Amino acid sequence: MKKSPAAIKDLNLFSGFSECGLKEFHKTFRSISFKAGDVIFREGADGSTFFVITSGEVAIEKKLDKAGKRYKKLASMNRGDFFGEMAVLESQPRYAQARAVTEAELFELERASLLEFIKKCPEEGAGLLIEIILVILKRLRHTSDELMAAHGFMEVLAKYKKK
């Protein structure tokens, strides 16, 4: 069941949208539900959609083995967060798996619908893309910080081994 356009106005991703932009965007997505434990998409799957969480929690996970028995949680996402944008923007297979941790309500947006929305509402479309880019940059900074911490840890281990 689709929610009203007003249901997304409070989400950061759409906060700059006009009433007209919200109504137009509302036409582009479909609302879907997942139960706790449901896999939303698997790592390596083709991806032409991205998702916005309207309720619940979703984990983004990376396989640690080829069989897909062990995963590392990369992120925990909640209301207002989005995921799946990498596959949509790059037209590449999914980099990681998304799994509902709790019952979750999501908006799913097809790449073609996103591009059509940007054409119809260029101001809101540009704002949406800027918000997506800002979140991607924040995630990249976080990853860089984790890599630097791992590098520091490896240097300490290397010194310890030499002793």
C-alpha atoms as a PDB file:
ATOM      1  CA  MET A   1       0.000   0.000   0.000  1.00  0.00           C
ATOM      2  CA  LYS A   2       1.458   3.376  -0.993  1.00  0.00           C
ATOM      3  CA  LYS A   3       1.840   6.022   1.661  1.00  0.00           C
ATOM      4  CA  SER A   4       0.881   9.615   1.038  1.00  0.00           C
ATOM      5  CA  PRO A   5       3.481  12.100  -0.261  1.00  0.00           C
ATOM      6  CA  ALA A   6       3.440  13.799   3.157  1.00  0.00           C
ATOM      7  CA  ALA A   7       4.769  10.557   4.714  1.00  0.00           C
ATOM      8  CA  ILE A   8       8.224  11.222   3.218  1.00  0.00           C
ATOM      9  CA  LYS A   9       8.429  15.010   3.688  1.00  0.00           C
ATOM     10  CA  ASP A  10      10.185  14.598   7.066  1.00  0.00           C
ATOM     11  CA  LEU A  11      12.962  12.426   5.599  1.00  0.00           C
ATOM     12  CA  ASN A  12      16.230  14.323   4.916  1.00  0.00           C
ATOM     13  CA  LEU A  13      16.403  12.980   1.390  1.00  0.00           C
ATOM     14  CA  PHE A  14      13.165  14.786   0.494  1.00  0.00           C
ATOM     15  CA  SER A  15      13.178  17.771   2.867  1.00  0.00           C
ATOM     16  CA  GLY A  16      13.850  20.267   0.066  1.00  0.00           C
ATOM     17  CA  PHE A  17      11.024  19.027  -2.153  1.00  0.00           C
ATOM     18  CA  SER A  18       8.097  21.282  -3.055  1.00  0.00           C
ATOM     19  CA  GLU A  19       4.556  19.934  -2.650  1.00  0.00           C
ATOM     20  CA  CYS A  20       4.453  19.368  -6.419  1.00  0.00           C
ATOM     21  CA  GLY A  21       7.821  17.599  -6.322  1.00  0.00           C
ATOM     22  CA  LEU A  22       6.637  15.322  -3.504  1.00  0.00           C
ATOM     23  CA  LYS A  23       3.498  14.379  -5.446  1.00  0.00           C
ATOM     24  CA  GLU A  24       5.534  13.673  -8.589  1.00  0.00           C
ATOM     25  CA  PHE A  25       8.110  11.637  -6.684  1.00  0.00           C
ATOM     26  CA  HIS A  26       5.318   9.701  -4.977  1.00  0.00           C
ATOM     27  CA  LYS A  27       4.325   8.390  -8.429  1.00  0.00           C
ATOM     28  CA  THR A  28       7.790   6.931  -9.081  1.00  0.00           C
ATOM     29  CA  PHE A  29       8.273   4.435  -6.250  1.00  0.00           C
ATOM     30  CA  ARG A  30       6.536   1.395  -4.922  1.00  0.00           C
ATOM     31  CA  SER A  31       6.104   0.616  -1.251  1.00  0.00           C
ATOM     32  CA  ILE A  32       7.224  -2.858  -0.147  1.00  0.00           C
ATOM     33  CA  SER A  33       7.366  -4.723   3.169  1.00  0.00           C
ATOM     34  CA  PHE A  34       9.842  -7.239   4.538  1.00  0.00           C
ATOM     35  CA  LYS A  35       9.750  -9.477   7.600  1.00  0.00           C
ATOM     36  CA  ALA A  36      12.661  -9.701  10.024  1.00  0.00           C
ATOM     37  CA  GLY A  37      15.374 -11.866   8.449  1.00  0.00           C
ATOM     38  CA  ASP A  38      14.193 -11.425   4.857  1.00  0.00           C
ATOM     39  CA  VAL A  39      16.963 -10.798   2.335  1.00  0.00           C
ATOM     40  CA  ILE A  40      16.117  -7.702   0.301  1.00  0.00           C
ATOM     41  CA  PHE A  41      18.847  -8.375  -2.242  1.00  0.00           C
ATOM     42  CA  ARG A  42      21.937 -10.555  -2.397  1.00  0.00           C
ATOM     43  CA  GLU A  43      25.522  -9.561  -3.036  1.00  0.00           C
ATOM     44  CA  GLY A  44      26.344  -9.922  -6.736  1.00  0.00           C
ATOM     45  CA  ALA A  45      22.715  -9.705  -7.896  1.00  0.00           C
ATOM     46  CA  ASP A  46      21.795  -7.335 -10.697  1.00  0.00           C
ATOM     47  CA  GLY A  47      20.590  -4.055  -9.290  1.00  0.00           C
ATOM     48  CA  SER A  48      18.380  -1.492 -10.954  1.00  0.00           C
ATOM     49  CA  THR A  49      16.604  -0.184  -7.851  1.00  0.00           C
ATOM     50  CA  PHE A  50      17.473   1.632  -4.686  1.00  0.00           C
ATOM     51  CA  PHE A  51      15.562   1.723  -1.435  1.00  0.00           C
ATOM     52  CA  VAL A  52      14.542   4.282   1.183  1.00  0.00           C
ATOM     53  CA  ILE A  53      13.604   2.994   4.629  1.00  0.00           C
ATOM     54  CA  THR A  54      10.310   4.363   5.947  1.00  0.00           C
ATOM     55  CA  SER A  55      10.280   2.093   9.021  1.00  0.00           C
ATOM     56  CA  GLY A  56      12.336  -0.709  10.510  1.00  0.00           C
ATOM     57  CA  GLU A  57      16.008  -1.626  10.443  1.00  0.00           C
ATOM     58  CA  VAL A  58      18.099  -3.023   7.582  1.00  0.00           C
ATOM     59  CA  ALA A  59      21.620  -4.463   7.753  1.00  0.00           C
ATOM     60  CA  ILE A  60      24.074  -4.133   4.878  1.00  0.00           C
ATOM     61  CA  GLU A  61      26.378  -7.164   4.900  1.00  0.00           C
ATOM     62  CA  LYS A  62      29.419  -8.358   2.952  1.00  0.00           C
ATOM     63  CA  LYS A  63      30.187 -12.052   2.391  1.00  0.00           C
ATOM     64  CA  LEU A  64      33.231 -13.386   4.228  1.00  0.00           C
ATOM     65  CA  ASP A  65      33.267 -16.725   2.374  1.00  0.00           C
ATOM     66  CA  LYS A  66      32.301 -17.952  -1.089  1.00  0.00           C
ATOM     67  CA  ALA A  67      29.481 -20.117   0.258  1.00  0.00           C
ATOM     68  CA  GLY A  68      27.786 -17.081   1.808  1.00  0.00           C
ATOM     69  CA  LYS A  69      27.586 -18.658   5.245  1.00  0.00           C
ATOM     70  CA  ARG A  70      29.427 -15.847   7.065  1.00  0.00           C
ATOM     71  CA  TYR A  71      28.857 -12.104   6.710  1.00  0.00           C
ATOM     72  CA  LYS A  72      30.373  -8.922   8.092  1.00  0.00           C
ATOM     73  CA  LYS A  73      27.868  -6.230   8.942  1.00  0.00           C
ATOM     74  CA  LEU A  74      28.936  -3.040   7.167  1.00  0.00           C
ATOM     75  CA  ALA A  75      26.079  -0.822   8.286  1.00  0.00           C
ATOM     76  CA  SER A  76      22.837  -0.723  10.192  1.00  0.00           C
ATOM     77  CA  MET A  77      20.219   1.523   8.615  1.00  0.00           C
ATOM     78  CA  ASN A  78      16.922   2.943   9.866  1.00  0.00           C
ATOM     79  CA  ARG A  79      14.072   5.272   8.901  1.00  0.00           C
ATOM     80  CA  GLY A  80      15.210   7.866   6.367  1.00  0.00           C
ATOM     81  CA  ASP A  81      18.346   5.993   5.338  1.00  0.00           C
ATOM     82  CA  PHE A  82      18.742   4.688   1.799  1.00  0.00           C
ATOM     83  CA  PHE A  83      20.759   1.894   0.232  1.00  0.00           C
ATOM     84  CA  GLY A  84      21.296   0.202  -3.112  1.00  0.00           C
ATOM     85  CA  GLU A  85      22.300   3.451  -4.786  1.00  0.00           C
ATOM     86  CA  MET A  86      25.700   2.120  -5.902  1.00  0.00           C
ATOM     87  CA  ALA A  87      24.188  -0.486  -8.237  1.00  0.00           C
ATOM     88  CA  VAL A  88      21.672   2.031  -9.579  1.00  0.00           C
ATOM     89  CA  LEU A  89      24.175   4.805 -10.242  1.00  0.00           C
ATOM     90  CA  GLU A  90      26.900   2.517 -11.620  1.00  0.00           C
ATOM     91  CA  SER A  91      24.727  -0.099 -13.385  1.00  0.00           C
ATOM     92  CA  GLN A  92      26.831  -2.743 -11.620  1.00  0.00           C
ATOM     93  CA  PRO A  93      25.939  -5.872  -9.610  1.00  0.00           C
ATOM     94  CA  ARG A  94      25.139  -5.400  -5.922  1.00  0.00           C
ATOM     95  CA  TYR A  95      28.273  -4.873  -3.831  1.00  0.00           C
ATOM     96  CA  ALA A  96      26.750  -6.271  -0.644  1.00  0.00           C
ATOM     97  CA  GLN A  97      23.649  -7.957   0.725  1.00  0.00           C
ATOM     98  CA  ALA A  98      20.749  -6.098   2.352  1.00  0.00           C
ATOM     99  CA  ARG A  99      18.706  -7.906   4.994  1.00  0.00           C
ATOM    100  CA  ALA A 100      15.764  -6.763   7.115  1.00  0.00           C
ATOM    101  CA  VAL A 101      16.761  -6.930  10.794  1.00  0.00           C
ATOM    102  CA  THR A 102      13.221  -6.071  11.925  1.00  0.00           C
ATOM    103  CA  GLU A 103       9.988  -5.768  10.004  1.00  0.00           C
ATOM    104  CA  ALA A 104      10.711  -3.041   7.482  1.00  0.00           C
ATOM    105  CA  GLU A 105       8.749  -0.800   5.125  1.00  0.00           C
ATOM    106  CA  LEU A 106      10.722   0.489   2.151  1.00  0.00           C
ATOM    107  CA  PHE A 107      10.228   2.609  -0.916  1.00  0.00           C
ATOM    108  CA  GLU A 108      11.780   0.964  -3.971  1.00  0.00           C
ATOM    109  CA  LEU A 109      12.770   3.205  -6.866  1.00  0.00           C
ATOM    110  CA  GLU A 110      13.786   1.969 -10.312  1.00  0.00           C
ATOM    111  CA  ARG A 111      16.713   3.637 -12.074  1.00  0.00           C
ATOM    112  CA  ALA A 112      14.532   4.558 -15.083  1.00  0.00           C
ATOM    113  CA  SER A 113      11.921   6.127 -12.770  1.00  0.00           C
ATOM    114  CA  LEU A 114      14.610   8.106 -10.963  1.00  0.00           C
ATOM    115  CA  LEU A 115      15.944   9.474 -14.250  1.00  0.00           C
ATOM    116  CA  GLU A 116      12.418  10.333 -15.408  1.00  0.00           C
ATOM    117  CA  PHE A 117      11.740  12.142 -12.124  1.00  0.00           C
ATOM    118  CA  ILE A 118      14.945  14.173 -12.534  1.00  0.00           C
ATOM    119  CA  LYS A 119      13.775  15.241 -16.017  1.00  0.00           C
ATOM    120  CA  LYS A 120      10.295  16.209 -14.795  1.00  0.00           C
ATOM    121  CA  CYS A 121      11.454  17.963 -11.614  1.00  0.00           C
ATOM    122  CA  PRO A 122      15.045  19.093 -12.205  1.00  0.00           C
ATOM    123  CA  GLU A 123      15.279  21.219  -9.054  1.00  0.00           C
ATOM    124  CA  GLU A 124      14.130  18.429  -6.747  1.00  0.00           C
ATOM    125  CA  GLY A 125      16.088  15.880  -8.812  1.00  0.00           C
ATOM    126  CA  ALA A 126      19.293  17.857  -8.384  1.00  0.00           C
ATOM    127  CA  GLY A 127      18.607  18.209  -4.660  1.00  0.00           C
ATOM    128  CA  LEU A 128      18.007  14.476  -4.378  1.00  0.00           C
ATOM    129  CA  LEU A 129      21.261  13.663  -6.172  1.00  0.00           C
ATOM    130  CA  ILE A 130      23.178  16.115  -3.972  1.00  0.00           C
ATOM    131  CA  GLU A 131      21.756  14.480  -0.837  1.00  0.00           C
ATOM    132  CA  ILE A 132      22.743  11.042  -2.167  1.00  0.00           C
ATOM    133  CA  ILE A 133      26.266  12.281  -2.957  1.00  0.00           C
ATOM    134  CA  LEU A 134      26.639  13.839   0.515  1.00  0.00           C
ATOM    135  CA  VAL A 135      25.686  10.546   2.179  1.00  0.00           C
ATOM    136  CA  ILE A 136      28.057   8.605  -0.098  1.00  0.00           C
ATOM    137  CA  LEU A 137      30.880  10.998   0.867  1.00  0.00           C
ATOM    138  CA  LYS A 138      30.070  10.557   4.568  1.00  0.00           C
ATOM    139  CA  ARG A 139      30.206   6.780   4.110  1.00  0.00           C
ATOM    140  CA  LEU A 140      33.511   7.078   2.240  1.00  0.00           C
ATOM    141  CA  ARG A 141      35.014   9.155   5.073  1.00  0.00           C
ATOM    142  CA  HIS A 142      33.862   6.517   7.567  1.00  0.00           C
ATOM    143  CA  THR A 143      35.459   3.751   5.472  1.00  0.00           C
ATOM    144  CA  SER A 144      38.693   5.767   5.216  1.00  0.00           C
ATOM    145  CA  ASP A 145      38.753   6.181   9.003  1.00  0.00           C
ATOM    146  CA  GLU A 146      38.293   2.423   9.436  1.00  0.00           C
ATOM    147  CA  LEU A 147      41.092   1.701   6.957  1.00  0.00           C
ATOM    148  CA  MET A 148      43.441   4.071   8.779  1.00  0.00           C
ATOM    149  CA  ALA A 149      42.620   2.403  12.106  1.00  0.00           C
ATOM    150  CA  ALA A 150      43.285  -1.037  10.565  1.00  0.00           C
ATOM    151  CA  HIS A 151      46.552   0.269   9.097  1.00  0.00           C
ATOM    152  CA  GLY A 152      47.640   1.528  12.517  1.00  0.00           C
ATOM    153  CA  PHE A 153      46.769  -1.816  14.061  1.00  0.00           C
ATOM    154  CA  MET A 154      48.795  -3.653  11.392  1.00  0.00           C
ATOM    155  CA  GLU A 155      51.814  -1.411  12.065  1.00  0.00           C
ATOM    156  CA  VAL A 156      51.639  -2.229  15.771  1.00  0.00           C
ATOM    157  CA  LEU A 157      51.429  -5.947  14.961  1.00  0.00           C
ATOM    158  CA  ALA A 158      54.413  -5.686  12.606  1.00  0.00           C
ATOM    159  CA  LYS A 159      56.515  -3.991  15.311  1.00  0.00           C
ATOM    160  CA  TYR A 160      55.474  -6.596  17.842  1.00  0.00           C
ATOM    161  CA  LYS A 161      56.437  -9.452  15.493  1.00  0.00           C
ATOM    162  CA  LYS A 162      59.924  -7.994  14.982  1.00  0.00           C
ATOM    163  CA  LYS A 163      60.645  -8.097  18.711  1.00  0.00           C
END
